[in-house]
Amino acid sequence: MTAGWRNPLGAKGIGESGTIGSTPAVHNAVCVAVAHLGIDHIVMPCSPQNVWRALQNA
């Protein structure tokens, strides 16, 4: 592999762009899942402790 190598699309990189959206997508899914309980925000990171804390404060 040379320094000028590019993928078939002509882009350089290691694939991180495919994972950038996963963190906010999961966080949004958790927020939607608990919205019916009156929770409108969960502190990031969306760890089990932060979700539990939000549930306890609801």
PDB file of N, CA and C in Angstrom:
ATOM      1  N   MET A   1       0.848  -1.169   0.000  1.00  0.00           N
ATOM      2  CA  MET A   1       0.000   0.000   0.000  1.00  0.00           C
ATOM      3  C   MET A   1       0.894   1.232   0.000  1.00  0.00           C
ATOM      4  N   THR A   2       0.586   2.154  -0.866  1.00  0.00           N
ATOM      5  CA  THR A   2       1.396   3.363  -0.952  1.00  0.00           C
ATOM      6  C   THR A   2       0.689   4.515  -0.265  1.00  0.00           C
ATOM      7  N   ALA A   3       1.418   5.580  -0.047  1.00  0.00           N
ATOM      8  CA  ALA A   3       0.855   6.749   0.643  1.00  0.00           C
ATOM      9  C   ALA A   3      -0.271   7.383  -0.157  1.00  0.00           C
ATOM     10  N   GLY A   4      -0.284   7.204  -1.479  1.00  0.00           N
ATOM     11  CA  GLY A   4      -1.316   7.816  -2.297  1.00  0.00           C
ATOM     12  C   GLY A   4      -2.501   6.908  -2.578  1.00  0.00           C
ATOM     13  N   TRP A   5      -2.562   5.738  -1.945  1.00  0.00           N
ATOM     14  CA  TRP A   5      -3.625   4.778  -2.222  1.00  0.00           C
ATOM     15  C   TRP A   5      -4.974   5.332  -1.781  1.00  0.00           C
ATOM     16  N   ARG A   6      -5.969   5.110  -2.611  1.00  0.00           N
ATOM     17  CA  ARG A   6      -7.338   5.524  -2.301  1.00  0.00           C
ATOM     18  C   ARG A   6      -8.280   4.353  -2.576  1.00  0.00           C
ATOM     19  N   ASN A   7      -9.449   4.377  -1.939  1.00  0.00           N
ATOM     20  CA  ASN A   7     -10.417   3.300  -2.164  1.00  0.00           C
ATOM     21  C   ASN A   7     -11.120   3.502  -3.510  1.00  0.00           C
ATOM     22  N   PRO A   8     -12.008   2.590  -3.919  1.00  0.00           N
ATOM     23  CA  PRO A   8     -12.673   2.715  -5.221  1.00  0.00           C
ATOM     24  C   PRO A   8     -13.471   4.016  -5.398  1.00  0.00           C
ATOM     25  N   LEU A   9     -13.908   4.624  -4.298  1.00  0.00           N
ATOM     26  CA  LEU A   9     -14.633   5.891  -4.389  1.00  0.00           C
ATOM     27  C   LEU A   9     -13.698   7.085  -4.512  1.00  0.00           C
ATOM     28  N   GLY A  10     -12.405   6.853  -4.348  1.00  0.00           N
ATOM     29  CA  GLY A  10     -11.441   7.936  -4.414  1.00  0.00           C
ATOM     30  C   GLY A  10     -11.182   8.609  -3.072  1.00  0.00           C
ATOM     31  N   ALA A  11     -11.765   8.083  -2.018  1.00  0.00           N
ATOM     32  CA  ALA A  11     -11.596   8.677  -0.691  1.00  0.00           C
ATOM     33  C   ALA A  11     -10.502   7.956   0.078  1.00  0.00           C
ATOM     34  N   LYS A  12      -9.918   8.664   1.013  1.00  0.00           N
ATOM     35  CA  LYS A  12      -8.943   8.056   1.913  1.00  0.00           C
ATOM     36  C   LYS A  12      -9.562   8.006   3.311  1.00  0.00           C
ATOM     37  N   GLY A  13      -9.185   7.045   4.079  1.00  0.00           N
ATOM     38  CA  GLY A  13      -9.702   6.944   5.432  1.00  0.00           C
ATOM     39  C   GLY A  13      -9.696   5.505   5.899  1.00  0.00           C
ATOM     40  N   ILE A  14     -10.137   5.295   7.128  1.00  0.00           N
ATOM     41  CA  ILE A  14     -10.121   3.950   7.687  1.00  0.00           C
ATOM     42  C   ILE A  14     -11.527   3.460   8.042  1.00  0.00           C
ATOM     43  N   GLY A  15     -12.550   4.151   7.578  1.00  0.00           N
ATOM     44  CA  GLY A  15     -13.907   3.698   7.808  1.00  0.00           C
ATOM     45  C   GLY A  15     -14.603   4.308   9.000  1.00  0.00           C
ATOM     46  N   GLU A  16     -13.991   5.278   9.640  1.00  0.00           N
ATOM     47  CA  GLU A  16     -14.611   5.854  10.829  1.00  0.00           C
ATOM     48  C   GLU A  16     -15.899   6.601  10.520  1.00  0.00           C
ATOM     49  N   SER A  17     -16.074   7.072   9.302  1.00  0.00           N
ATOM     50  CA  SER A  17     -17.293   7.828   8.982  1.00  0.00           C
ATOM     51  C   SER A  17     -18.544   6.972   9.122  1.00  0.00           C
ATOM     52  N   GLY A  18     -18.427   5.680   8.962  1.00  0.00           N
ATOM     53  CA  GLY A  18     -19.579   4.803   9.123  1.00  0.00           C
ATOM     54  C   GLY A  18     -20.014   4.621  10.559  1.00  0.00           C
ATOM     55  N   THR A  19     -19.167   4.967  11.515  1.00  0.00           N
ATOM     56  CA  THR A  19     -19.506   4.785  12.926  1.00  0.00           C
ATOM     57  C   THR A  19     -19.824   6.087  13.643  1.00  0.00           C
ATOM     58  N   ILE A  20     -19.624   7.206  13.001  1.00  0.00           N
ATOM     59  CA  ILE A  20     -19.838   8.502  13.650  1.00  0.00           C
ATOM     60  C   ILE A  20     -21.291   8.671  14.088  1.00  0.00           C
ATOM     61  N   GLY A  21     -22.227   8.234  13.280  1.00  0.00           N
ATOM     62  CA  GLY A  21     -23.638   8.423  13.596  1.00  0.00           C
ATOM     63  C   GLY A  21     -24.215   7.447  14.595  1.00  0.00           C
ATOM     64  N   SER A  22     -23.480   6.408  14.937  1.00  0.00           N
ATOM     65  CA  SER A  22     -24.058   5.381  15.815  1.00  0.00           C
ATOM     66  C   SER A  22     -24.276   5.877  17.241  1.00  0.00           C
ATOM     67  N   THR A  23     -23.375   6.666  17.776  1.00  0.00           N
ATOM     68  CA  THR A  23     -23.519   7.140  19.161  1.00  0.00           C
ATOM     69  C   THR A  23     -24.758   8.006  19.337  1.00  0.00           C
ATOM     70  N   PRO A  24     -24.953   9.054  18.535  1.00  0.00           N
ATOM     71  CA  PRO A  24     -26.180   9.830  18.718  1.00  0.00           C
ATOM     72  C   PRO A  24     -27.447   9.046  18.365  1.00  0.00           C
ATOM     73  N   ALA A  25     -27.353   8.090  17.454  1.00  0.00           N
ATOM     74  CA  ALA A  25     -28.527   7.292  17.100  1.00  0.00           C
ATOM     75  C   ALA A  25     -28.965   6.418  18.273  1.00  0.00           C
ATOM     76  N   VAL A  26     -28.023   5.797  18.942  1.00  0.00           N
ATOM     77  CA  VAL A  26     -28.357   4.960  20.111  1.00  0.00           C
ATOM     78  C   VAL A  26     -28.886   5.831  21.241  1.00  0.00           C
ATOM     79  N   HIS A  27     -28.254   6.976  21.470  1.00  0.00           N
ATOM     80  CA  HIS A  27     -28.706   7.884  22.527  1.00  0.00           C
ATOM     81  C   HIS A  27     -30.135   8.354  22.244  1.00  0.00           C
ATOM     82  N   ASN A  28     -30.408   8.704  21.014  1.00  0.00           N
ATOM     83  CA  ASN A  28     -31.752   9.131  20.647  1.00  0.00           C
ATOM     84  C   ASN A  28     -32.761   7.997  20.838  1.00  0.00           C
ATOM     85  N   ALA A  29     -32.383   6.785  20.494  1.00  0.00           N
ATOM     86  CA  ALA A  29     -33.279   5.641  20.672  1.00  0.00           C
ATOM     87  C   ALA A  29     -33.608   5.421  22.142  1.00  0.00           C
ATOM     88  N   VAL A  30     -32.626   5.566  23.009  1.00  0.00           N
ATOM     89  CA  VAL A  30     -32.872   5.403  24.450  1.00  0.00           C
ATOM     90  C   VAL A  30     -33.797   6.513  24.949  1.00  0.00           C
ATOM     91  N   CYS A  31     -33.553   7.745  24.502  1.00  0.00           N
ATOM     92  CA  CYS A  31     -34.404   8.869  24.918  1.00  0.00           C
ATOM     93  C   CYS A  31     -35.844   8.667  24.462  1.00  0.00           C
ATOM     94  N   VAL A  32     -36.033   8.174  23.252  1.00  0.00           N
ATOM     95  CA  VAL A  32     -37.380   7.902  22.748  1.00  0.00           C
ATOM     96  C   VAL A  32     -38.030   6.770  23.549  1.00  0.00           C
ATOM     97  N   ALA A  33     -37.237   5.775  23.929  1.00  0.00           N
ATOM     98  CA  ALA A  33     -37.776   4.628  24.664  1.00  0.00           C
ATOM     99  C   ALA A  33     -38.287   5.001  26.046  1.00  0.00           C
ATOM    100  N   VAL A  34     -37.735   6.023  26.662  1.00  0.00           N
ATOM    101  CA  VAL A  34     -38.163   6.413  28.010  1.00  0.00           C
ATOM    102  C   VAL A  34     -39.003   7.683  28.017  1.00  0.00           C
ATOM    103  N   ALA A  35     -39.303   8.233  26.845  1.00  0.00           N
ATOM    104  CA  ALA A  35     -40.062   9.483  26.769  1.00  0.00           C
ATOM    105  C   ALA A  35     -41.449   9.344  27.382  1.00  0.00           C
ATOM    106  N   HIS A  36     -42.054   8.165  27.260  1.00  0.00           N
ATOM    107  CA  HIS A  36     -43.391   7.967  27.827  1.00  0.00           C
ATOM    108  C   HIS A  36     -43.399   8.056  29.352  1.00  0.00           C
ATOM    109  N   LEU A  37     -42.226   8.006  29.967  1.00  0.00           N
ATOM    110  CA  LEU A  37     -42.112   8.141  31.419  1.00  0.00           C
ATOM    111  C   LEU A  37     -41.901   9.589  31.846  1.00  0.00           C
ATOM    112  N   GLY A  38     -41.899  10.490  30.870  1.00  0.00           N
ATOM    113  CA  GLY A  38     -41.710  11.908  31.170  1.00  0.00           C
ATOM    114  C   GLY A  38     -40.253  12.343  31.174  1.00  0.00           C
ATOM    115  N   ILE A  39     -39.355  11.466  30.749  1.00  0.00           N
ATOM    116  CA  ILE A  39     -37.932  11.794  30.700  1.00  0.00           C
ATOM    117  C   ILE A  39     -37.638  12.418  29.344  1.00  0.00           C
ATOM    118  N   ASP A  40     -37.121  13.651  29.349  1.00  0.00           N
ATOM    119  CA  ASP A  40     -36.839  14.312  28.086  1.00  0.00           C
ATOM    120  C   ASP A  40     -35.350  14.490  27.830  1.00  0.00           C
ATOM    121  N   HIS A  41     -34.507  14.052  28.772  1.00  0.00           N
ATOM    122  CA  HIS A  41     -33.063  14.186  28.577  1.00  0.00           C
ATOM    123  C   HIS A  41     -32.332  13.137  29.416  1.00  0.00           C
ATOM    124  N   ILE A  42     -31.323  12.540  28.825  1.00  0.00           N
ATOM    125  CA  ILE A  42     -30.412  11.643  29.535  1.00  0.00           C
ATOM    126  C   ILE A  42     -29.003  12.147  29.258  1.00  0.00           C
ATOM    127  N   VAL A  43     -28.242  12.310  30.317  1.00  0.00           N
ATOM    128  CA  VAL A  43     -26.877  12.813  30.188  1.00  0.00           C
ATOM    129  C   VAL A  43     -26.030  11.818  29.405  1.00  0.00           C
ATOM    130  N   MET A  44     -25.221  12.341  28.481  1.00  0.00           N
ATOM    131  CA  MET A  44     -24.282  11.477  27.750  1.00  0.00           C
ATOM    132  C   MET A  44     -23.029  11.307  28.585  1.00  0.00           C
ATOM    133  N   PRO A  45     -22.361  10.195  28.563  1.00  0.00           N
ATOM    134  CA  PRO A  45     -22.655   9.040  27.726  1.00  0.00           C
ATOM    135  C   PRO A  45     -23.881   8.303  28.239  1.00  0.00           C
ATOM    136  N   CYS A  46     -24.484   7.583  27.363  1.00  0.00           N
ATOM    137  CA  CYS A  46     -25.719   6.868  27.679  1.00  0.00           C
ATOM    138  C   CYS A  46     -25.373   5.549  28.377  1.00  0.00           C
ATOM    139  N   SER A  47     -24.755   5.676  29.522  1.00  0.00           N
ATOM    140  CA  SER A  47     -24.335   4.495  30.275  1.00  0.00           C
ATOM    141  C   SER A  47     -25.517   3.962  31.094  1.00  0.00           C
ATOM    142  N   PRO A  48     -25.438   2.729  31.538  1.00  0.00           N
ATOM    143  CA  PRO A  48     -26.507   2.198  32.385  1.00  0.00           C
ATOM    144  C   PRO A  48     -26.739   3.058  33.632  1.00  0.00           C
ATOM    145  N   GLN A  49     -25.670   3.588  34.203  1.00  0.00           N
ATOM    146  CA  GLN A  49     -25.806   4.427  35.394  1.00  0.00           C
ATOM    147  C   GLN A  49     -26.571   5.706  35.085  1.00  0.00           C
ATOM    148  N   ASN A  50     -26.284   6.338  33.942  1.00  0.00           N
ATOM    149  CA  ASN A  50     -26.978   7.571  33.591  1.00  0.00           C
ATOM    150  C   ASN A  50     -28.446   7.321  33.258  1.00  0.00           C
ATOM    151  N   VAL A  51     -28.737   6.207  32.614  1.00  0.00           N
ATOM    152  CA  VAL A  51     -30.129   5.868  32.330  1.00  0.00           C
ATOM    153  C   VAL A  51     -30.861   5.578  33.644  1.00  0.00           C
ATOM    154  N   TRP A  52     -30.245   4.828  34.523  1.00  0.00           N
ATOM    155  CA  TRP A  52     -30.857   4.517  35.826  1.00  0.00           C
ATOM    156  C   TRP A  52     -31.105   5.790  36.622  1.00  0.00           C
ATOM    157  N   ARG A  53     -30.150   6.693  36.610  1.00  0.00           N
ATOM    158  CA  ARG A  53     -30.298   7.972  37.329  1.00  0.00           C
ATOM    159  C   ARG A  53     -31.469   8.763  36.766  1.00  0.00           C
ATOM    160  N   ALA A  54     -31.607   8.796  35.449  1.00  0.00           N
ATOM    161  CA  ALA A  54     -32.726   9.515  34.839  1.00  0.00           C
ATOM    162  C   ALA A  54     -34.050   8.869  35.200  1.00  0.00           C
ATOM    163  N   LEU A  55     -34.078   7.537  35.227  1.00  0.00           N
ATOM    164  CA  LEU A  55     -35.306   6.826  35.611  1.00  0.00           C
ATOM    165  C   LEU A  55     -35.677   7.105  37.070  1.00  0.00           C
ATOM    166  N   GLN A  56     -34.701   7.178  37.933  1.00  0.00           N
ATOM    167  CA  GLN A  56     -34.963   7.424  39.341  1.00  0.00           C
ATOM    168  C   GLN A  56     -35.436   8.852  39.603  1.00  0.00           C
ATOM    169  N   ASN A  57     -34.998   9.790  38.753  1.00  0.00           N
ATOM    170  CA  ASN A  57     -35.378  11.194  38.938  1.00  0.00           C
ATOM    171  C   ASN A  57     -36.652  11.558  38.188  1.00  0.00           C
ATOM    172  N   ALA A  58     -37.257  10.609  37.512  1.00  0.00           N
ATOM    173  CA  ALA A  58     -38.461  10.905  36.718  1.00  0.00           C
ATOM    174  C   ALA A  58     -39.669  11.105  37.614  1.00  0.00           C
TER     175      ALA A  58
END
